């Protein structure tokens, strides 16, 4: 019988059909590389993360955030075709910025304090999941959620932002979504989103 961590990785790979497994070490797949030591998200990206985490994480649940972005090819152009069919669409400049930034992992820093948010390193979360979900729940609580984020892509005037989020609460409870956010009157808000994975 396979361990819970292995089952989660296999399920995510099957659904995503991508090269990077959920909650596993970043691996070189030809177009995705590990985080350079000097790569840190900029303030404009940190502002999007802070808005999202404050507005979308449950206040009664600890959110365990991996402190480096998830580098992969998210297939944003294919997702855009689905969105266009629904009457939405992502501008080409935002898609290009998102794709370019997500070729490498990057450290997440500069977020304001959020009471129900805990940062963990990729190596720490990998060590936890080498044991399994029971270890994760033992360390962080039964209702806790682990979250990995993409880099944030912007359109040219930085009024639209793209963000991919993967959240998991158990071996059978993981989901990924691509969010399109819009800045109005200096504040970010979610304009629409599309689910990319569900386990």
C-alpha atoms as a PDB file:
ATOM      1  CA  UNK A   1       0.000   0.000   0.000  1.00  0.00           C
ATOM      2  CA  UNK A   2       1.314   3.417  -0.927  1.00  0.00           C
ATOM      3  CA  UNK A   3       1.792   6.119   1.695  1.00  0.00           C
ATOM      4  CA  UNK A   4      -0.701   9.040   1.825  1.00  0.00           C
ATOM      5  CA  UNK A   5       1.944  11.461   0.545  1.00  0.00           C
ATOM      6  CA  UNK A   6       2.674   9.271  -2.477  1.00  0.00           C
ATOM      7  CA  UNK A   7      -1.037   8.936  -3.247  1.00  0.00           C
ATOM      8  CA  UNK A   8      -1.476  12.715  -3.077  1.00  0.00           C
ATOM      9  CA  UNK A   9       1.427  13.290  -5.449  1.00  0.00           C
ATOM     10  CA  UNK A  10       0.156  10.683  -7.907  1.00  0.00           C
ATOM     11  CA  UNK A  11      -3.383  12.101  -7.864  1.00  0.00           C
ATOM     12  CA  UNK A  12      -2.126  15.614  -8.421  1.00  0.00           C
ATOM     13  CA  UNK A  13       0.101  14.528 -11.288  1.00  0.00           C
ATOM     14  CA  UNK A  14      -2.762  12.707 -12.966  1.00  0.00           C
ATOM     15  CA  UNK A  15      -5.156  15.627 -12.676  1.00  0.00           C
ATOM     16  CA  UNK A  16      -2.688  18.370 -13.487  1.00  0.00           C
ATOM     17  CA  UNK A  17      -0.855  16.426 -16.195  1.00  0.00           C
ATOM     18  CA  UNK A  18       2.086  18.619 -15.298  1.00  0.00           C
ATOM     19  CA  UNK A  19       5.656  17.834 -14.388  1.00  0.00           C
ATOM     20  CA  UNK A  20       5.725  19.278 -10.892  1.00  0.00           C
ATOM     21  CA  UNK A  21       4.086  17.211  -8.101  1.00  0.00           C
ATOM     22  CA  UNK A  22       2.123  18.923  -5.364  1.00  0.00           C
ATOM     23  CA  UNK A  23       4.099  19.409  -2.156  1.00  0.00           C
ATOM     24  CA  UNK A  24       7.247  17.807  -3.583  1.00  0.00           C
ATOM     25  CA  UNK A  25      10.668  19.275  -4.197  1.00  0.00           C
ATOM     26  CA  UNK A  26      11.031  21.516  -7.228  1.00  0.00           C
ATOM     27  CA  UNK A  27      12.625  19.501 -10.013  1.00  0.00           C
ATOM     28  CA  UNK A  28      14.119  20.604 -13.309  1.00  0.00           C
ATOM     29  CA  UNK A  29      11.742  19.632 -16.139  1.00  0.00           C
ATOM     30  CA  UNK A  30      13.532  21.544 -18.869  1.00  0.00           C
ATOM     31  CA  UNK A  31      11.529  24.743 -18.409  1.00  0.00           C
ATOM     32  CA  UNK A  32      11.160  24.902 -14.614  1.00  0.00           C
ATOM     33  CA  UNK A  33      14.093  25.493 -12.266  1.00  0.00           C
ATOM     34  CA  UNK A  34      14.673  25.796  -8.530  1.00  0.00           C
ATOM     35  CA  UNK A  35      14.525  29.132  -6.769  1.00  0.00           C
ATOM     36  CA  UNK A  36      17.598  31.271  -7.277  1.00  0.00           C
ATOM     37  CA  UNK A  37      18.911  32.545  -3.940  1.00  0.00           C
ATOM     38  CA  UNK A  38      18.360  36.136  -5.104  1.00  0.00           C
ATOM     39  CA  UNK A  39      14.746  35.672  -6.254  1.00  0.00           C
ATOM     40  CA  UNK A  40      12.298  37.290  -3.899  1.00  0.00           C
ATOM     41  CA  UNK A  41       8.796  38.414  -4.772  1.00  0.00           C
ATOM     42  CA  UNK A  42       8.331  42.155  -5.197  1.00  0.00           C
ATOM     43  CA  UNK A  43       6.055  44.338  -3.115  1.00  0.00           C
ATOM     44  CA  UNK A  44       3.372  44.432  -5.823  1.00  0.00           C
ATOM     45  CA  UNK A  45       3.158  40.620  -5.710  1.00  0.00           C
ATOM     46  CA  UNK A  46       3.223  40.573  -1.899  1.00  0.00           C
ATOM     47  CA  UNK A  47       0.243  42.968  -1.926  1.00  0.00           C
ATOM     48  CA  UNK A  48      -1.754  40.496  -4.057  1.00  0.00           C
ATOM     49  CA  UNK A  49      -0.787  37.589  -1.779  1.00  0.00           C
ATOM     50  CA  UNK A  50      -1.760  39.534   1.338  1.00  0.00           C
ATOM     51  CA  UNK A  51      -5.165  40.466  -0.085  1.00  0.00           C
ATOM     52  CA  UNK A  52      -5.833  36.894  -1.201  1.00  0.00           C
ATOM     53  CA  UNK A  53      -4.731  35.249   2.047  1.00  0.00           C
ATOM     54  CA  UNK A  54      -6.724  37.673   4.199  1.00  0.00           C
ATOM     55  CA  UNK A  55      -9.879  37.327   2.109  1.00  0.00           C
ATOM     56  CA  UNK A  56      -9.822  33.624   1.263  1.00  0.00           C
ATOM     57  CA  UNK A  57      -8.345  31.733   4.224  1.00  0.00           C
ATOM     58  CA  UNK A  58     -10.756  30.600   6.919  1.00  0.00           C
ATOM     59  CA  UNK A  59     -10.255  32.424  10.209  1.00  0.00           C
ATOM     60  CA  UNK A  60     -10.840  29.228  12.208  1.00  0.00           C
ATOM     61  CA  UNK A  61      -8.196  27.239  10.254  1.00  0.00           C
ATOM     62  CA  UNK A  62      -4.432  27.568  10.326  1.00  0.00           C
ATOM     63  CA  UNK A  63      -3.060  28.223   6.841  1.00  0.00           C
ATOM     64  CA  UNK A  64       0.409  26.725   6.426  1.00  0.00           C
ATOM     65  CA  UNK A  65       2.018  28.617   3.550  1.00  0.00           C
ATOM     66  CA  UNK A  66       5.057  27.229   1.755  1.00  0.00           C
ATOM     67  CA  UNK A  67       7.449  30.191   1.654  1.00  0.00           C
ATOM     68  CA  UNK A  68       8.552  29.690  -1.949  1.00  0.00           C
ATOM     69  CA  UNK A  69       6.367  29.867  -5.008  1.00  0.00           C
ATOM     70  CA  UNK A  70       5.413  26.782  -6.994  1.00  0.00           C
ATOM     71  CA  UNK A  71       7.282  26.888 -10.306  1.00  0.00           C
ATOM     72  CA  UNK A  72       5.619  25.125 -13.220  1.00  0.00           C
ATOM     73  CA  UNK A  73       3.915  25.533 -16.536  1.00  0.00           C
ATOM     74  CA  UNK A  74       0.334  26.195 -15.449  1.00  0.00           C
ATOM     75  CA  UNK A  75      -1.070  25.971 -18.984  1.00  0.00           C
ATOM     76  CA  UNK A  76      -2.563  29.443 -18.688  1.00  0.00           C
ATOM     77  CA  UNK A  77      -3.161  29.765 -22.445  1.00  0.00           C
ATOM     78  CA  UNK A  78      -5.313  26.613 -22.438  1.00  0.00           C
ATOM     79  CA  UNK A  79      -7.180  27.837 -19.362  1.00  0.00           C
ATOM     80  CA  UNK A  80      -7.741  31.145 -21.128  1.00  0.00           C
ATOM     81  CA  UNK A  81      -9.590  29.335 -23.942  1.00  0.00           C
ATOM     82  CA  UNK A  82     -12.015  27.928 -21.369  1.00  0.00           C
ATOM     83  CA  UNK A  83     -12.451  31.372 -19.833  1.00  0.00           C
ATOM     84  CA  UNK A  84     -13.083  32.980 -23.231  1.00  0.00           C
ATOM     85  CA  UNK A  85     -15.858  30.419 -23.804  1.00  0.00           C
ATOM     86  CA  UNK A  86     -17.401  31.587 -20.505  1.00  0.00           C
ATOM     87  CA  UNK A  87     -17.285  35.246 -21.524  1.00  0.00           C
ATOM     88  CA  UNK A  88     -14.028  36.005 -19.705  1.00  0.00           C
ATOM     89  CA  UNK A  89     -10.542  36.259 -21.040  1.00  0.00           C
ATOM     90  CA  UNK A  90      -7.066  37.038 -19.762  1.00  0.00           C
ATOM     91  CA  UNK A  91      -5.120  39.704 -21.679  1.00  0.00           C
ATOM     92  CA  UNK A  92      -2.008  38.426 -23.507  1.00  0.00           C
ATOM     93  CA  UNK A  93       0.372  40.678 -21.554  1.00  0.00           C
ATOM     94  CA  UNK A  94      -0.840  39.274 -18.217  1.00  0.00           C
ATOM     95  CA  UNK A  95      -0.535  35.684 -19.489  1.00  0.00           C
ATOM     96  CA  UNK A  96       2.980  36.340 -20.809  1.00  0.00           C
ATOM     97  CA  UNK A  97       4.127  37.932 -17.518  1.00  0.00           C
ATOM     98  CA  UNK A  98       2.623  35.050 -15.516  1.00  0.00           C
ATOM     99  CA  UNK A  99       4.273  32.370 -17.697  1.00  0.00           C
ATOM    100  CA  UNK A 100       7.676  34.078 -17.642  1.00  0.00           C
ATOM    101  CA  UNK A 101       7.727  34.553 -13.863  1.00  0.00           C
ATOM    102  CA  UNK A 102       6.637  30.984 -13.113  1.00  0.00           C
ATOM    103  CA  UNK A 103       9.593  29.378 -14.859  1.00  0.00           C
ATOM    104  CA  UNK A 104      11.447  29.614 -11.536  1.00  0.00           C
ATOM    105  CA  UNK A 105      10.498  29.348  -7.893  1.00  0.00           C
ATOM    106  CA  UNK A 106      10.872  32.464  -5.768  1.00  0.00           C
ATOM    107  CA  UNK A 107      10.924  33.238  -2.027  1.00  0.00           C
ATOM    108  CA  UNK A 108       7.819  34.884  -0.574  1.00  0.00           C
ATOM    109  CA  UNK A 109       8.684  37.732   1.774  1.00  0.00           C
ATOM    110  CA  UNK A 110       7.279  41.067   2.850  1.00  0.00           C
ATOM    111  CA  UNK A 111       3.784  39.933   3.801  1.00  0.00           C
ATOM    112  CA  UNK A 112       2.088  41.740   6.685  1.00  0.00           C
ATOM    113  CA  UNK A 113       1.282  39.681   9.762  1.00  0.00           C
ATOM    114  CA  UNK A 114      -1.823  37.532   9.244  1.00  0.00           C
ATOM    115  CA  UNK A 115      -3.019  35.878  12.452  1.00  0.00           C
ATOM    116  CA  UNK A 116      -3.943  32.462  11.045  1.00  0.00           C
ATOM    117  CA  UNK A 117      -0.946  32.167   8.684  1.00  0.00           C
ATOM    118  CA  UNK A 118       2.250  30.220   9.335  1.00  0.00           C
ATOM    119  CA  UNK A 119       5.222  30.139   6.950  1.00  0.00           C
ATOM    120  CA  UNK A 120       7.147  26.911   6.361  1.00  0.00           C
ATOM    121  CA  UNK A 121      10.056  26.181   4.052  1.00  0.00           C
ATOM    122  CA  UNK A 122       9.799  23.719   1.184  1.00  0.00           C
ATOM    123  CA  UNK A 123      12.317  21.442   2.921  1.00  0.00           C
ATOM    124  CA  UNK A 124      10.264  21.511   6.149  1.00  0.00           C
ATOM    125  CA  UNK A 125       7.002  20.615   4.393  1.00  0.00           C
ATOM    126  CA  UNK A 126       8.753  17.890   2.385  1.00  0.00           C
ATOM    127  CA  UNK A 127      10.062  16.382   5.643  1.00  0.00           C
ATOM    128  CA  UNK A 128       6.545  16.457   7.111  1.00  0.00           C
ATOM    129  CA  UNK A 129       5.012  14.751   4.073  1.00  0.00           C
ATOM    130  CA  UNK A 130       7.791  12.163   3.984  1.00  0.00           C
ATOM    131  CA  UNK A 131       5.979  10.886   7.104  1.00  0.00           C
ATOM    132  CA  UNK A 132       2.471  11.702   5.841  1.00  0.00           C
ATOM    133  CA  UNK A 133      -0.722  13.617   6.517  1.00  0.00           C
ATOM    134  CA  UNK A 134      -0.897  12.330  10.095  1.00  0.00           C
ATOM    135  CA  UNK A 135       2.364  14.145  10.812  1.00  0.00           C
ATOM    136  CA  UNK A 136       1.074  17.327   9.160  1.00  0.00           C
ATOM    137  CA  UNK A 137      -2.095  17.281  11.296  1.00  0.00           C
ATOM    138  CA  UNK A 138      -0.095  16.444  14.422  1.00  0.00           C
ATOM    139  CA  UNK A 139       2.159  19.473  13.903  1.00  0.00           C
ATOM    140  CA  UNK A 140      -0.354  22.027  12.657  1.00  0.00           C
ATOM    141  CA  UNK A 141      -3.790  20.812  13.768  1.00  0.00           C
ATOM    142  CA  UNK A 142      -6.482  18.647  12.223  1.00  0.00           C
ATOM    143  CA  UNK A 143      -8.217  21.554  10.452  1.00  0.00           C
ATOM    144  CA  UNK A 144      -5.050  23.117   9.051  1.00  0.00           C
ATOM    145  CA  UNK A 145      -4.461  23.644   5.327  1.00  0.00           C
ATOM    146  CA  UNK A 146      -1.209  23.680   3.365  1.00  0.00           C
ATOM    147  CA  UNK A 147      -1.045  26.282   0.591  1.00  0.00           C
ATOM    148  CA  UNK A 148       1.361  26.769  -2.303  1.00  0.00           C
ATOM    149  CA  UNK A 149       1.270  29.866  -4.479  1.00  0.00           C
ATOM    150  CA  UNK A 150       2.477  30.781  -7.929  1.00  0.00           C
ATOM    151  CA  UNK A 151       4.208  34.018  -8.825  1.00  0.00           C
ATOM    152  CA  UNK A 152       1.786  36.813  -9.691  1.00  0.00           C
ATOM    153  CA  UNK A 153       1.509  37.876 -13.323  1.00  0.00           C
ATOM    154  CA  UNK A 154       0.327  41.388 -14.190  1.00  0.00           C
ATOM    155  CA  UNK A 155      -0.962  43.153 -17.263  1.00  0.00           C
ATOM    156  CA  UNK A 156       1.111  46.110 -18.474  1.00  0.00           C
ATOM    157  CA  UNK A 157      -0.625  48.753 -16.353  1.00  0.00           C
ATOM    158  CA  UNK A 158      -0.857  46.443 -13.304  1.00  0.00           C
ATOM    159  CA  UNK A 159      -4.620  46.655 -12.986  1.00  0.00           C
ATOM    160  CA  UNK A 160      -5.071  42.877 -13.500  1.00  0.00           C
ATOM    161  CA  UNK A 161      -3.230  40.091 -11.686  1.00  0.00           C
ATOM    162  CA  UNK A 162      -3.082  36.304 -12.167  1.00  0.00           C
ATOM    163  CA  UNK A 163      -2.445  34.004  -9.217  1.00  0.00           C
ATOM    164  CA  UNK A 164      -2.580  30.212  -9.000  1.00  0.00           C
ATOM    165  CA  UNK A 165      -3.268  28.670  -5.587  1.00  0.00           C
ATOM    166  CA  UNK A 166      -3.141  25.032  -4.483  1.00  0.00           C
ATOM    167  CA  UNK A 167      -4.642  24.209  -1.101  1.00  0.00           C
ATOM    168  CA  UNK A 168      -4.830  20.812   0.581  1.00  0.00           C
ATOM    169  CA  UNK A 169      -6.367  19.673   3.868  1.00  0.00           C
ATOM    170  CA  UNK A 170      -5.977  15.902   3.449  1.00  0.00           C
ATOM    171  CA  UNK A 171      -4.972  13.180   1.001  1.00  0.00           C
ATOM    172  CA  UNK A 172      -8.463  13.321  -0.528  1.00  0.00           C
ATOM    173  CA  UNK A 173      -8.936  17.069  -0.146  1.00  0.00           C
ATOM    174  CA  UNK A 174      -6.803  19.178  -2.483  1.00  0.00           C
ATOM    175  CA  UNK A 175      -7.792  21.819  -5.000  1.00  0.00           C
ATOM    176  CA  UNK A 176      -6.095  24.274  -7.311  1.00  0.00           C
ATOM    177  CA  UNK A 177      -7.526  27.439  -8.845  1.00  0.00           C
ATOM    178  CA  UNK A 178      -6.330  30.201 -11.129  1.00  0.00           C
ATOM    179  CA  UNK A 179      -7.552  33.605  -9.917  1.00  0.00           C
ATOM    180  CA  UNK A 180      -7.890  36.765 -11.964  1.00  0.00           C
ATOM    181  CA  UNK A 181      -7.851  39.821  -9.722  1.00  0.00           C
ATOM    182  CA  UNK A 182      -8.575  43.431 -10.599  1.00  0.00           C
ATOM    183  CA  UNK A 183      -7.371  46.575  -8.867  1.00  0.00           C
ATOM    184  CA  UNK A 184     -10.111  49.149  -8.368  1.00  0.00           C
ATOM    185  CA  UNK A 185      -9.655  52.336  -6.379  1.00  0.00           C
ATOM    186  CA  UNK A 186      -6.264  51.073  -5.236  1.00  0.00           C
ATOM    187  CA  UNK A 187      -7.627  47.786  -3.828  1.00  0.00           C
ATOM    188  CA  UNK A 188      -7.432  44.267  -5.214  1.00  0.00           C
ATOM    189  CA  UNK A 189     -10.562  42.147  -5.628  1.00  0.00           C
ATOM    190  CA  UNK A 190     -11.216  38.786  -7.232  1.00  0.00           C
ATOM    191  CA  UNK A 191     -12.802  39.219 -10.645  1.00  0.00           C
ATOM    192  CA  UNK A 192     -13.200  35.522 -11.518  1.00  0.00           C
ATOM    193  CA  UNK A 193     -11.450  32.173 -11.089  1.00  0.00           C
ATOM    194  CA  UNK A 194     -11.278  28.739 -12.673  1.00  0.00           C
ATOM    195  CA  UNK A 195     -10.611  25.429 -10.982  1.00  0.00           C
ATOM    196  CA  UNK A 196      -7.553  23.603 -12.288  1.00  0.00           C
ATOM    197  CA  UNK A 197      -7.389  20.568  -9.984  1.00  0.00           C
ATOM    198  CA  UNK A 198      -9.564  18.749  -7.454  1.00  0.00           C
ATOM    199  CA  UNK A 199      -8.761  15.601  -5.475  1.00  0.00           C
END
